[in-house]
Amino acid sequence: MSIQFLFDENLRGPLWQAVQRHNSAGDLPLDVERVGEPPDLPLGSLDPMILEWCQREDRILVSFDHATLPGHLGNHLAQGGHSPGIFLIRP
């Protein structure tokens, strides 16, 4: 089973384009979804909903959200949730 990722909705620029170029080459494609693509995770989804979705779908979240995501993750874990992982990246 490959590692699966979820890109936050604000990752629609160069990083997403790099994933698409990589995947079009056909060698070891990355399994990446974006917020707004799965029907049960629309654009504008709040952090707690995104964390629940990632937990259920076993996907690592990739986001720029240094402001609110760490606090929501702390709450999610304190309530007994788990996370496959989060990458907080810089623009």
PDB file of N, CA and C in Angstrom:
ATOM      1  N   MET A   1       0.851  -1.189   0.000  1.00  0.00           N
ATOM      2  CA  MET A   1       0.000   0.000   0.000  1.00  0.00           C
ATOM      3  C   MET A   1       0.889   1.242   0.000  1.00  0.00           C
ATOM      4  N   SER A   2       0.548   2.185  -0.821  1.00  0.00           N
ATOM      5  CA  SER A   2       1.334   3.411  -0.911  1.00  0.00           C
ATOM      6  C   SER A   2       0.929   4.410   0.169  1.00  0.00           C
ATOM      7  N   ILE A   3       1.810   5.339   0.419  1.00  0.00           N
ATOM      8  CA  ILE A   3       1.486   6.435   1.332  1.00  0.00           C
ATOM      9  C   ILE A   3       0.498   7.346   0.608  1.00  0.00           C
ATOM     10  N   GLN A   4      -0.551   7.747   1.318  1.00  0.00           N
ATOM     11  CA  GLN A   4      -1.587   8.587   0.718  1.00  0.00           C
ATOM     12  C   GLN A   4      -1.566   9.961   1.379  1.00  0.00           C
ATOM     13  N   PHE A   5      -1.754  10.989   0.568  1.00  0.00           N
ATOM     14  CA  PHE A   5      -1.714  12.356   1.044  1.00  0.00           C
ATOM     15  C   PHE A   5      -3.024  13.078   0.742  1.00  0.00           C
ATOM     16  N   LEU A   6      -3.297  14.102   1.551  1.00  0.00           N
ATOM     17  CA  LEU A   6      -4.365  15.057   1.266  1.00  0.00           C
ATOM     18  C   LEU A   6      -3.738  16.432   1.279  1.00  0.00           C
ATOM     19  N   PHE A   7      -3.849  17.154   0.169  1.00  0.00           N
ATOM     20  CA  PHE A   7      -3.386  18.542   0.107  1.00  0.00           C
ATOM     21  C   PHE A   7      -4.518  19.449   0.554  1.00  0.00           C
ATOM     22  N   ASP A   8      -4.202  20.365   1.458  1.00  0.00           N
ATOM     23  CA  ASP A   8      -5.174  21.371   1.860  1.00  0.00           C
ATOM     24  C   ASP A   8      -5.555  22.188   0.623  1.00  0.00           C
ATOM     25  N   GLU A   9      -6.687  22.854   0.684  1.00  0.00           N
ATOM     26  CA  GLU A   9      -7.199  23.524  -0.516  1.00  0.00           C
ATOM     27  C   GLU A   9      -6.312  24.649  -1.018  1.00  0.00           C
ATOM     28  N   ASN A  10      -5.430  25.171  -0.174  1.00  0.00           N
ATOM     29  CA  ASN A  10      -4.564  26.263  -0.616  1.00  0.00           C
ATOM     30  C   ASN A  10      -3.331  25.759  -1.362  1.00  0.00           C
ATOM     31  N   LEU A  11      -3.169  24.470  -1.523  1.00  0.00           N
ATOM     32  CA  LEU A  11      -2.026  23.912  -2.261  1.00  0.00           C
ATOM     33  C   LEU A  11      -2.438  23.579  -3.690  1.00  0.00           C
ATOM     34  N   ARG A  12      -2.681  24.597  -4.469  1.00  0.00           N
ATOM     35  CA  ARG A  12      -3.125  24.414  -5.847  1.00  0.00           C
ATOM     36  C   ARG A  12      -2.136  24.996  -6.854  1.00  0.00           C
ATOM     37  N   GLY A  13      -0.948  25.347  -6.387  1.00  0.00           N
ATOM     38  CA  GLY A  13       0.041  25.982  -7.255  1.00  0.00           C
ATOM     39  C   GLY A  13       1.181  25.050  -7.625  1.00  0.00           C
ATOM     40  N   PRO A  14       2.415  25.521  -7.442  1.00  0.00           N
ATOM     41  CA  PRO A  14       3.593  24.782  -7.913  1.00  0.00           C
ATOM     42  C   PRO A  14       3.744  23.376  -7.343  1.00  0.00           C
ATOM     43  N   LEU A  15       3.413  23.170  -6.079  1.00  0.00           N
ATOM     44  CA  LEU A  15       3.562  21.830  -5.506  1.00  0.00           C
ATOM     45  C   LEU A  15       2.597  20.850  -6.174  1.00  0.00           C
ATOM     46  N   TRP A  16       1.354  21.264  -6.356  1.00  0.00           N
ATOM     47  CA  TRP A  16       0.373  20.404  -7.029  1.00  0.00           C
ATOM     48  C   TRP A  16       0.800  20.119  -8.467  1.00  0.00           C
ATOM     49  N   GLN A  17       1.304  21.133  -9.141  1.00  0.00           N
ATOM     50  CA  GLN A  17       1.760  20.948 -10.517  1.00  0.00           C
ATOM     51  C   GLN A  17       2.943  19.977 -10.577  1.00  0.00           C
ATOM     52  N   ALA A  18       3.843  20.046  -9.586  1.00  0.00           N
ATOM     53  CA  ALA A  18       4.972  19.116  -9.540  1.00  0.00           C
ATOM     54  C   ALA A  18       4.494  17.680  -9.343  1.00  0.00           C
ATOM     55  N   VAL A  19       3.489  17.481  -8.499  1.00  0.00           N
ATOM     56  CA  VAL A  19       2.920  16.141  -8.303  1.00  0.00           C
ATOM     57  C   VAL A  19       2.321  15.638  -9.609  1.00  0.00           C
ATOM     58  N   GLN A  20       1.597  16.495 -10.307  1.00  0.00           N
ATOM     59  CA  GLN A  20       0.985  16.090 -11.578  1.00  0.00           C
ATOM     60  C   GLN A  20       2.046  15.714 -12.608  1.00  0.00           C
ATOM     61  N   ARG A  21       3.124  16.502 -12.689  1.00  0.00           N
ATOM     62  CA  ARG A  21       4.215  16.165 -13.625  1.00  0.00           C
ATOM     63  C   ARG A  21       4.841  14.820 -13.250  1.00  0.00           C
ATOM     64  N   HIS A  22       5.091  14.647 -11.953  1.00  0.00           N
ATOM     65  CA  HIS A  22       5.677  13.388 -11.483  1.00  0.00           C
ATOM     66  C   HIS A  22       4.766  12.208 -11.840  1.00  0.00           C
ATOM     67  N   ASN A  23       3.479  12.330 -11.559  1.00  0.00           N
ATOM     68  CA  ASN A  23       2.544  11.238 -11.814  1.00  0.00           C
ATOM     69  C   ASN A  23       2.382  10.944 -13.296  1.00  0.00           C
ATOM     70  N   SER A  24       2.492  11.958 -14.130  1.00  0.00           N
ATOM     71  CA  SER A  24       2.349  11.727 -15.575  1.00  0.00           C
ATOM     72  C   SER A  24       3.547  10.969 -16.141  1.00  0.00           C
ATOM     73  N   ALA A  25       4.684  10.982 -15.427  1.00  0.00           N
ATOM     74  CA  ALA A  25       5.857  10.231 -15.872  1.00  0.00           C
ATOM     75  C   ALA A  25       5.644   8.726 -15.713  1.00  0.00           C
ATOM     76  N   GLY A  26       4.706   8.339 -14.832  1.00  0.00           N
ATOM     77  CA  GLY A  26       4.345   6.934 -14.702  1.00  0.00           C
ATOM     78  C   GLY A  26       5.162   6.119 -13.719  1.00  0.00           C
ATOM     79  N   ASP A  27       6.253   6.659 -13.187  1.00  0.00           N
ATOM     80  CA  ASP A  27       7.080   5.913 -12.247  1.00  0.00           C
ATOM     81  C   ASP A  27       6.669   6.217 -10.820  1.00  0.00           C
ATOM     82  N   LEU A  28       6.181   5.206 -10.118  1.00  0.00           N
ATOM     83  CA  LEU A  28       5.788   5.348  -8.713  1.00  0.00           C
ATOM     84  C   LEU A  28       4.946   6.589  -8.461  1.00  0.00           C
ATOM     85  N   PRO A  29       3.751   6.636  -8.989  1.00  0.00           N
ATOM     86  CA  PRO A  29       2.896   7.821  -8.809  1.00  0.00           C
ATOM     87  C   PRO A  29       2.547   8.043  -7.336  1.00  0.00           C
ATOM     88  N   LEU A  30       2.360   9.294  -6.983  1.00  0.00           N
ATOM     89  CA  LEU A  30       1.953   9.690  -5.639  1.00  0.00           C
ATOM     90  C   LEU A  30       0.431   9.687  -5.563  1.00  0.00           C
ATOM     91  N   ASP A  31      -0.103   9.179  -4.467  1.00  0.00           N
ATOM     92  CA  ASP A  31      -1.541   9.134  -4.250  1.00  0.00           C
ATOM     93  C   ASP A  31      -1.931  10.384  -3.470  1.00  0.00           C
ATOM     94  N   VAL A  32      -2.400  11.394  -4.194  1.00  0.00           N
ATOM     95  CA  VAL A  32      -2.706  12.690  -3.588  1.00  0.00           C
ATOM     96  C   VAL A  32      -4.115  13.123  -3.970  1.00  0.00           C
ATOM     97  N   GLU A  33      -4.893  13.480  -2.973  1.00  0.00           N
ATOM     98  CA  GLU A  33      -6.205  14.113  -3.158  1.00  0.00           C
ATOM     99  C   GLU A  33      -6.071  15.544  -2.665  1.00  0.00           C
ATOM    100  N   ARG A  34      -7.004  16.403  -3.070  1.00  0.00           N
ATOM    101  CA  ARG A  34      -7.049  17.782  -2.570  1.00  0.00           C
ATOM    102  C   ARG A  34      -8.406  18.051  -1.944  1.00  0.00           C
ATOM    103  N   VAL A  35      -8.405  18.855  -0.884  1.00  0.00           N
ATOM    104  CA  VAL A  35      -9.671  19.291  -0.311  1.00  0.00           C
ATOM    105  C   VAL A  35     -10.474  19.914  -1.461  1.00  0.00           C
ATOM    106  N   GLY A  36     -11.711  19.523  -1.580  1.00  0.00           N
ATOM    107  CA  GLY A  36     -12.555  19.997  -2.673  1.00  0.00           C
ATOM    108  C   GLY A  36     -12.778  18.945  -3.736  1.00  0.00           C
ATOM    109  N   GLU A  37     -11.949  17.920  -3.785  1.00  0.00           N
ATOM    110  CA  GLU A  37     -12.134  16.856  -4.768  1.00  0.00           C
ATOM    111  C   GLU A  37     -13.036  15.732  -4.255  1.00  0.00           C
ATOM    112  N   PRO A  38     -12.765  15.181  -3.068  1.00  0.00           N
ATOM    113  CA  PRO A  38     -13.699  14.153  -2.584  1.00  0.00           C
ATOM    114  C   PRO A  38     -15.067  14.777  -2.295  1.00  0.00           C
ATOM    115  N   PRO A  39     -16.143  14.124  -2.678  1.00  0.00           N
ATOM    116  CA  PRO A  39     -17.478  14.703  -2.459  1.00  0.00           C
ATOM    117  C   PRO A  39     -17.789  14.998  -0.991  1.00  0.00           C
ATOM    118  N   ASP A  40     -17.206  14.218  -0.080  1.00  0.00           N
ATOM    119  CA  ASP A  40     -17.487  14.424   1.342  1.00  0.00           C
ATOM    120  C   ASP A  40     -16.487  15.355   2.024  1.00  0.00           C
ATOM    121  N   LEU A  41     -15.663  16.068   1.227  1.00  0.00           N
ATOM    122  CA  LEU A  41     -14.702  17.030   1.767  1.00  0.00           C
ATOM    123  C   LEU A  41     -14.653  18.259   0.850  1.00  0.00           C
ATOM    124  N   PRO A  42     -15.700  19.093   0.889  1.00  0.00           N
ATOM    125  CA  PRO A  42     -15.800  20.230  -0.044  1.00  0.00           C
ATOM    126  C   PRO A  42     -14.812  21.347   0.286  1.00  0.00           C
ATOM    127  N   LEU A  43     -14.598  22.212  -0.694  1.00  0.00           N
ATOM    128  CA  LEU A  43     -13.813  23.422  -0.446  1.00  0.00           C
ATOM    129  C   LEU A  43     -14.426  24.174   0.721  1.00  0.00           C
ATOM    130  N   GLY A  44     -13.591  24.775   1.546  1.00  0.00           N
ATOM    131  CA  GLY A  44     -14.074  25.509   2.701  1.00  0.00           C
ATOM    132  C   GLY A  44     -14.268  24.640   3.934  1.00  0.00           C
ATOM    133  N   SER A  45     -13.924  23.354   3.839  1.00  0.00           N
ATOM    134  CA  SER A  45     -14.044  22.477   5.008  1.00  0.00           C
ATOM    135  C   SER A  45     -13.158  23.005   6.136  1.00  0.00           C
ATOM    136  N   LEU A  46     -13.675  22.945   7.339  1.00  0.00           N
ATOM    137  CA  LEU A  46     -12.926  23.418   8.501  1.00  0.00           C
ATOM    138  C   LEU A  46     -11.905  22.374   8.944  1.00  0.00           C
ATOM    139  N   ASP A  47     -10.870  22.855   9.634  1.00  0.00           N
ATOM    140  CA  ASP A  47      -9.783  21.974  10.057  1.00  0.00           C
ATOM    141  C   ASP A  47     -10.258  20.720  10.794  1.00  0.00           C
ATOM    142  N   PRO A  48     -11.177  20.821  11.765  1.00  0.00           N
ATOM    143  CA  PRO A  48     -11.606  19.601  12.447  1.00  0.00           C
ATOM    144  C   PRO A  48     -12.204  18.558  11.492  1.00  0.00           C
ATOM    145  N   MET A  49     -12.958  19.010  10.500  1.00  0.00           N
ATOM    146  CA  MET A  49     -13.534  18.083   9.520  1.00  0.00           C
ATOM    147  C   MET A  49     -12.434  17.450   8.665  1.00  0.00           C
ATOM    148  N   ILE A  50     -11.442  18.247   8.298  1.00  0.00           N
ATOM    149  CA  ILE A  50     -10.325  17.732   7.494  1.00  0.00           C
ATOM    150  C   ILE A  50      -9.550  16.680   8.282  1.00  0.00           C
ATOM    151  N   LEU A  51      -9.291  16.946   9.558  1.00  0.00           N
ATOM    152  CA  LEU A  51      -8.559  15.985  10.390  1.00  0.00           C
ATOM    153  C   LEU A  51      -9.345  14.683  10.551  1.00  0.00           C
ATOM    154  N   GLU A  52     -10.654  14.781  10.732  1.00  0.00           N
ATOM    155  CA  GLU A  52     -11.495  13.575  10.831  1.00  0.00           C
ATOM    156  C   GLU A  52     -11.439  12.782   9.530  1.00  0.00           C
ATOM    157  N   TRP A  53     -11.510  13.491   8.402  1.00  0.00           N
ATOM    158  CA  TRP A  53     -11.473  12.831   7.093  1.00  0.00           C
ATOM    159  C   TRP A  53     -10.134  12.122   6.901  1.00  0.00           C
ATOM    160  N   CYS A  54      -9.036  12.800   7.242  1.00  0.00           N
ATOM    161  CA  CYS A  54      -7.708  12.190   7.103  1.00  0.00           C
ATOM    162  C   CYS A  54      -7.580  10.960   7.988  1.00  0.00           C
ATOM    163  N   GLN A  55      -8.128  11.026   9.179  1.00  0.00           N
ATOM    164  CA  GLN A  55      -8.105   9.871  10.074  1.00  0.00           C
ATOM    165  C   GLN A  55      -8.855   8.706   9.443  1.00  0.00           C
ATOM    166  N   ARG A  56     -10.047   8.962   8.959  1.00  0.00           N
ATOM    167  CA  ARG A  56     -10.880   7.914   8.374  1.00  0.00           C
ATOM    168  C   ARG A  56     -10.256   7.329   7.106  1.00  0.00           C
ATOM    169  N   GLU A  57      -9.678   8.184   6.276  1.00  0.00           N
ATOM    170  CA  GLU A  57      -9.135   7.752   4.986  1.00  0.00           C
ATOM    171  C   GLU A  57      -7.655   7.377   5.052  1.00  0.00           C
ATOM    172  N   ASP A  58      -7.041   7.529   6.234  1.00  0.00           N
ATOM    173  CA  ASP A  58      -5.636   7.199   6.459  1.00  0.00           C
ATOM    174  C   ASP A  58      -4.712   7.952   5.492  1.00  0.00           C
ATOM    175  N   ARG A  59      -4.920   9.280   5.452  1.00  0.00           N
ATOM    176  CA  ARG A  59      -4.106  10.139   4.589  1.00  0.00           C
ATOM    177  C   ARG A  59      -3.329  11.153   5.421  1.00  0.00           C
ATOM    178  N   ILE A  60      -2.131  11.428   4.991  1.00  0.00           N
ATOM    179  CA  ILE A  60      -1.278  12.439   5.616  1.00  0.00           C
ATOM    180  C   ILE A  60      -1.681  13.793   5.050  1.00  0.00           C
ATOM    181  N   LEU A  61      -1.930  14.747   5.939  1.00  0.00           N
ATOM    182  CA  LEU A  61      -2.336  16.092   5.528  1.00  0.00           C
ATOM    183  C   LEU A  61      -1.107  16.943   5.241  1.00  0.00           C
ATOM    184  N   VAL A  62      -1.146  17.664   4.129  1.00  0.00           N
ATOM    185  CA  VAL A  62      -0.095  18.603   3.752  1.00  0.00           C
ATOM    186  C   VAL A  62      -0.749  19.981   3.672  1.00  0.00           C
ATOM    187  N   SER A  63      -0.202  20.954   4.425  1.00  0.00           N
ATOM    188  CA  SER A  63      -0.857  22.259   4.528  1.00  0.00           C
ATOM    189  C   SER A  63       0.155  23.365   4.783  1.00  0.00           C
ATOM    190  N   PHE A  64      -0.254  24.599   4.464  1.00  0.00           N
ATOM    191  CA  PHE A  64       0.492  25.810   4.822  1.00  0.00           C
ATOM    192  C   PHE A  64       0.013  26.371   6.162  1.00  0.00           C
ATOM    193  N   ASP A  65      -1.046  25.828   6.739  1.00  0.00           N
ATOM    194  CA  ASP A  65      -1.757  26.430   7.862  1.00  0.00           C
ATOM    195  C   ASP A  65      -1.020  26.290   9.194  1.00  0.00           C
ATOM    196  N   HIS A  66      -0.047  27.160   9.406  1.00  0.00           N
ATOM    197  CA  HIS A  66       0.699  27.175  10.671  1.00  0.00           C
ATOM    198  C   HIS A  66      -0.100  27.879  11.766  1.00  0.00           C
ATOM    199  N   ALA A  67      -1.121  28.636  11.404  1.00  0.00           N
ATOM    200  CA  ALA A  67      -1.845  29.466  12.373  1.00  0.00           C
ATOM    201  C   ALA A  67      -2.851  28.668  13.206  1.00  0.00           C
ATOM    202  N   THR A  68      -3.698  27.892  12.568  1.00  0.00           N
ATOM    203  CA  THR A  68      -4.767  27.234  13.323  1.00  0.00           C
ATOM    204  C   THR A  68      -4.676  25.715  13.357  1.00  0.00           C
ATOM    205  N   LEU A  69      -4.042  25.112  12.372  1.00  0.00           N
ATOM    206  CA  LEU A  69      -4.028  23.655  12.289  1.00  0.00           C
ATOM    207  C   LEU A  69      -3.379  22.977  13.497  1.00  0.00           C
ATOM    208  N   PRO A  70      -2.242  23.463  14.020  1.00  0.00           N
ATOM    209  CA  PRO A  70      -1.662  22.789  15.194  1.00  0.00           C
ATOM    210  C   PRO A  70      -2.611  22.742  16.391  1.00  0.00           C
ATOM    211  N   GLY A  71      -3.346  23.802  16.644  1.00  0.00           N
ATOM    212  CA  GLY A  71      -4.309  23.811  17.743  1.00  0.00           C
ATOM    213  C   GLY A  71      -5.444  22.831  17.518  1.00  0.00           C
ATOM    214  N   HIS A  72      -5.946  22.779  16.291  1.00  0.00           N
ATOM    215  CA  HIS A  72      -7.022  21.827  15.973  1.00  0.00           C
ATOM    216  C   HIS A  72      -6.516  20.386  16.073  1.00  0.00           C
ATOM    217  N   LEU A  73      -5.263  20.164  15.670  1.00  0.00           N
ATOM    218  CA  LEU A  73      -4.693  18.826  15.803  1.00  0.00           C
ATOM    219  C   LEU A  73      -4.599  18.437  17.274  1.00  0.00           C
ATOM    220  N   GLY A  74      -4.153  19.358  18.124  1.00  0.00           N
ATOM    221  CA  GLY A  74      -4.085  19.086  19.557  1.00  0.00           C
ATOM    222  C   GLY A  74      -5.439  18.708  20.124  1.00  0.00           C
ATOM    223  N   ASN A  75      -6.481  19.443  19.738  1.00  0.00           N
ATOM    224  CA  ASN A  75      -7.842  19.126  20.189  1.00  0.00           C
ATOM    225  C   ASN A  75      -8.289  17.757  19.676  1.00  0.00           C
ATOM    226  N   HIS A  76      -7.985  17.484  18.423  1.00  0.00           N
ATOM    227  CA  HIS A  76      -8.360  16.205  17.807  1.00  0.00           C
ATOM    228  C   HIS A  76      -7.725  15.040  18.573  1.00  0.00           C
ATOM    229  N   LEU A  77      -6.447  15.167  18.894  1.00  0.00           N
ATOM    230  CA  LEU A  77      -5.749  14.104  19.614  1.00  0.00           C
ATOM    231  C   LEU A  77      -6.243  13.992  21.053  1.00  0.00           C
ATOM    232  N   ALA A  78      -6.523  15.137  21.689  1.00  0.00           N
ATOM    233  CA  ALA A  78      -7.006  15.134  23.080  1.00  0.00           C
ATOM    234  C   ALA A  78      -8.370  14.459  23.194  1.00  0.00           C
ATOM    235  N   GLN A  79      -9.138  14.480  22.112  1.00  0.00           N
ATOM    236  CA  GLN A  79     -10.464  13.854  22.108  1.00  0.00           C
ATOM    237  C   GLN A  79     -10.404  12.380  21.698  1.00  0.00           C
ATOM    238  N   GLY A  80      -9.193  11.839  21.618  1.00  0.00           N
ATOM    239  CA  GLY A  80      -9.037  10.421  21.299  1.00  0.00           C
ATOM    240  C   GLY A  80      -8.830  10.112  19.834  1.00  0.00           C
ATOM    241  N   GLY A  81      -8.752  11.139  19.002  1.00  0.00           N
ATOM    242  CA  GLY A  81      -8.514  10.914  17.578  1.00  0.00           C
ATOM    243  C   GLY A  81      -7.054  10.575  17.326  1.00  0.00           C
ATOM    244  N   HIS A  82      -6.757  10.214  16.110  1.00  0.00           N
ATOM    245  CA  HIS A  82      -5.367  10.009  15.717  1.00  0.00           C
ATOM    246  C   HIS A  82      -5.144  10.653  14.354  1.00  0.00           C
ATOM    247  N   SER A  83      -3.884  10.752  13.988  1.00  0.00           N
ATOM    248  CA  SER A  83      -3.536  11.352  12.705  1.00  0.00           C
ATOM    249  C   SER A  83      -2.454  10.524  12.045  1.00  0.00           C
ATOM    250  N   PRO A  84      -2.636  10.179  10.768  1.00  0.00           N
ATOM    251  CA  PRO A  84      -1.578   9.483  10.048  1.00  0.00           C
ATOM    252  C   PRO A  84      -0.332  10.351   9.893  1.00  0.00           C
ATOM    253  N   GLY A  85      -0.501  11.680  10.026  1.00  0.00           N
ATOM    254  CA  GLY A  85       0.633  12.603   9.924  1.00  0.00           C
ATOM    255  C   GLY A  85       0.214  13.914   9.301  1.00  0.00           C
ATOM    256  N   ILE A  86       1.028  14.921   9.565  1.00  0.00           N
ATOM    257  CA  ILE A  86       0.801  16.243   8.989  1.00  0.00           C
ATOM    258  C   ILE A  86       2.148  16.815   8.583  1.00  0.00           C
ATOM    259  N   PHE A  87       2.207  17.359   7.391  1.00  0.00           N
ATOM    260  CA  PHE A  87       3.348  18.145   6.955  1.00  0.00           C
ATOM    261  C   PHE A  87       2.903  19.596   6.876  1.00  0.00           C
ATOM    262  N   LEU A  88       3.497  20.461   7.698  1.00  0.00           N
ATOM    263  CA  LEU A  88       3.252  21.899   7.597  1.00  0.00           C
ATOM    264  C   LEU A  88       4.424  22.473   6.823  1.00  0.00           C
ATOM    265  N   ILE A  89       4.126  23.007   5.663  1.00  0.00           N
ATOM    266  CA  ILE A  89       5.187  23.506   4.802  1.00  0.00           C
ATOM    267  C   ILE A  89       5.156  25.019   4.737  1.00  0.00           C
ATOM    268  N   ARG A  90       6.250  25.578   4.291  1.00  0.00           N
ATOM    269  CA  ARG A  90       6.336  27.032   4.107  1.00  0.00           C
ATOM    270  C   ARG A  90       6.037  27.359   2.656  1.00  0.00           C
ATOM    271  N   PRO A  91       5.392  28.503   2.454  1.00  0.00           N
ATOM    272  CA  PRO A  91       5.122  28.897   1.051  1.00  0.00           C
ATOM    273  C   PRO A  91       6.411  29.079   0.248  1.00  0.00           C
TER     274      PRO A  91
END
